[in-house]
């Protein structure tokens, strides 16, 4: 029974992170922490790293904190929470940073309807270079209007 609960917590956490990605992006990245996020929309440096990567580091620390709580306390829920956050971070990195922004030159030839829809939606978001008016959505639950055949 504990294994089923563990899996359900993992899946719920992974799904909740999609909401957190949307919320963080709309209200924090395009809000009071725009200074950290704006170089993602308009690159103003020569470094491979962006100030925007601080958000990745933040969620990695939250995940590690959950692992620590699961290992060092009776809060065993920390393990599935930490793994759910970590799995979402890995999926987000693969889709957003590798597939869409090509930070590593992989998945360049993916041209199925889902890949095209994800790229189209992200391009619509990035057409706005400023803090305001950017469409915000998650990584997996992109509005259907972007998926055309």
Protein backbone atom coordinates (compact mmCIF):
# COMPACT_ATOMS: atom_id res chain seq x y z
CA UNK A 1 0.00 0.00 0.00
CA UNK A 2 2.85 2.37 0.81
CA UNK A 3 4.24 1.87 -2.72
CA UNK A 4 0.93 2.89 -4.30
CA UNK A 5 0.79 6.01 -2.12
CA UNK A 6 4.42 6.76 -3.02
CA UNK A 7 3.61 6.51 -6.76
CA UNK A 8 0.47 8.64 -6.38
CA UNK A 9 2.42 11.34 -4.51
CA UNK A 10 5.10 11.28 -7.21
CA UNK A 11 2.54 11.64 -10.02
CA UNK A 12 0.59 14.34 -8.17
CA UNK A 13 3.80 16.27 -7.50
CA UNK A 14 4.90 15.99 -11.15
CA UNK A 15 1.48 17.27 -12.26
CA UNK A 16 1.43 20.05 -9.67
CA UNK A 17 4.80 21.24 -10.95
CA UNK A 18 3.15 22.04 -14.29
CA UNK A 19 0.93 24.48 -12.39
CA UNK A 20 3.95 25.80 -10.49
CA UNK A 21 5.84 26.36 -13.76
CA UNK A 22 2.91 28.37 -15.13
CA UNK A 23 2.38 30.31 -11.88
CA UNK A 24 6.09 31.03 -11.35
CA UNK A 25 6.51 32.11 -14.95
CA UNK A 26 3.46 34.39 -15.06
CA UNK A 27 3.60 36.01 -11.62
CA UNK A 28 7.23 35.75 -10.51
CA UNK A 29 9.41 35.61 -13.63
CA UNK A 30 7.25 38.17 -15.46
CA UNK A 31 6.64 39.91 -12.15
CA UNK A 32 8.98 40.96 -9.37
CA UNK A 33 11.90 38.77 -10.53
CA UNK A 34 11.83 39.97 -14.13
CA UNK A 35 15.47 41.09 -13.75
CA UNK A 36 16.47 37.43 -13.50
CA UNK A 37 14.20 36.26 -16.33
CA UNK A 38 14.56 38.99 -18.95
CA UNK A 39 17.85 37.66 -20.36
CA UNK A 40 15.89 34.58 -21.39
CA UNK A 41 13.75 36.74 -23.67
CA UNK A 42 16.48 39.07 -24.85
CA UNK A 43 20.00 37.75 -24.48
CA UNK A 44 22.24 40.56 -23.26
CA UNK A 45 25.39 38.53 -22.51
CA UNK A 46 27.82 36.09 -24.12
CA UNK A 47 27.63 33.39 -21.46
CA UNK A 48 25.98 30.00 -21.98
CA UNK A 49 24.41 30.46 -18.54
CA UNK A 50 21.55 32.88 -18.06
CA UNK A 51 20.44 34.70 -14.93
CA UNK A 52 17.18 32.86 -15.60
CA UNK A 53 18.92 29.60 -14.60
CA UNK A 54 18.54 30.71 -10.97
CA UNK A 55 14.97 29.39 -11.12
CA UNK A 56 16.25 25.92 -12.05
CA UNK A 57 18.66 26.06 -9.12
CA UNK A 58 15.85 27.11 -6.76
CA UNK A 59 13.68 24.11 -7.65
CA UNK A 60 16.70 21.79 -7.48
CA UNK A 61 17.29 23.00 -3.91
CA UNK A 62 13.62 22.41 -3.04
CA UNK A 63 13.89 18.88 -4.42
CA UNK A 64 17.10 18.24 -2.45
CA UNK A 65 15.41 19.58 0.68
CA UNK A 66 12.63 17.05 0.19
CA UNK A 67 15.19 14.25 -0.20
CA UNK A 68 16.93 15.38 2.97
CA UNK A 69 13.64 15.47 4.88
CA UNK A 70 12.82 11.98 3.61
CA UNK A 71 16.21 10.60 4.61
CA UNK A 72 16.78 12.32 7.94
CA UNK A 73 13.28 12.49 9.43
CA UNK A 74 10.14 10.39 9.61
CA UNK A 75 8.75 12.45 6.71
CA UNK A 76 9.01 9.65 4.14
CA UNK A 77 6.80 11.68 1.80
CA UNK A 78 9.90 13.73 1.09
CA UNK A 79 11.19 11.04 -1.27
CA UNK A 80 8.25 10.98 -3.72
CA UNK A 81 7.92 14.77 -3.48
CA UNK A 82 11.61 15.24 -4.25
CA UNK A 83 11.53 12.75 -7.10
CA UNK A 84 8.38 14.35 -8.56
CA UNK A 85 10.02 17.78 -8.56
CA UNK A 86 13.24 16.35 -9.95
CA UNK A 87 11.45 14.41 -12.71
CA UNK A 88 9.51 17.51 -13.75
CA UNK A 89 12.73 19.52 -13.78
CA UNK A 90 14.39 16.93 -16.01
CA UNK A 91 11.39 16.83 -18.36
CA UNK A 92 11.23 20.63 -18.45
CA UNK A 93 14.95 20.85 -19.19
CA UNK A 94 14.61 18.33 -22.02
CA UNK A 95 11.61 20.07 -23.62
CA UNK A 96 12.39 23.72 -22.94
CA UNK A 97 16.16 24.06 -22.86
CA UNK A 98 17.22 21.23 -25.16
CA UNK A 99 14.33 20.75 -27.60
CA UNK A 100 13.01 24.32 -27.93
CA UNK A 101 16.02 26.55 -27.21
CA UNK A 102 18.65 24.09 -28.46
CA UNK A 103 21.12 24.69 -25.62
CA UNK A 104 22.43 21.31 -26.70
CA UNK A 105 22.02 20.39 -30.35
CA UNK A 106 19.63 17.45 -29.90
CA UNK A 107 16.13 16.67 -31.18
CA UNK A 108 16.53 19.08 -34.10
CA UNK A 109 14.59 16.91 -36.55
CA UNK A 110 11.48 16.30 -34.42
CA UNK A 111 8.63 17.49 -36.62
CA UNK A 112 5.53 15.65 -35.47
CA UNK A 113 2.37 17.62 -34.66
CA UNK A 114 3.14 17.77 -30.92
CA UNK A 115 6.70 19.03 -31.44
CA UNK A 116 5.49 21.68 -33.88
CA UNK A 117 2.75 22.77 -31.46
CA UNK A 118 5.17 23.11 -28.56
CA UNK A 119 7.57 25.15 -30.70
CA UNK A 120 4.74 27.35 -32.04
CA UNK A 121 3.38 28.07 -28.57
CA UNK A 122 6.81 28.92 -27.21
CA UNK A 123 7.54 31.16 -30.17
CA UNK A 124 4.32 33.09 -29.44
CA UNK A 125 5.49 33.60 -25.89
CA UNK A 126 8.91 34.83 -26.98
CA UNK A 127 7.59 37.30 -29.55
CA UNK A 128 7.09 39.63 -26.57
CA UNK A 129 10.48 40.85 -25.39
CA UNK A 130 9.17 42.81 -22.44
CA UNK A 131 7.79 42.00 -19.04
CA UNK A 132 4.14 42.45 -20.06
CA UNK A 133 1.84 40.67 -22.49
CA UNK A 134 3.69 37.37 -22.81
CA UNK A 135 1.41 34.35 -22.96
CA UNK A 136 2.30 32.02 -20.10
CA UNK A 137 1.63 28.31 -20.07
CA UNK A 138 3.25 25.18 -18.80
CA UNK A 139 5.35 22.67 -20.66
CA UNK A 140 2.89 19.82 -21.10
CA UNK A 141 -0.53 21.48 -21.05
CA UNK A 142 -0.16 23.91 -23.92
CA UNK A 143 -3.37 25.42 -25.32
CA UNK A 144 -4.79 23.23 -28.09
CA UNK A 145 -4.91 26.12 -30.56
CA UNK A 146 -1.15 25.71 -31.19
CA UNK A 147 -1.50 22.11 -32.40
CA UNK A 148 -2.36 22.23 -36.09
CA UNK A 149 -1.75 19.43 -38.52
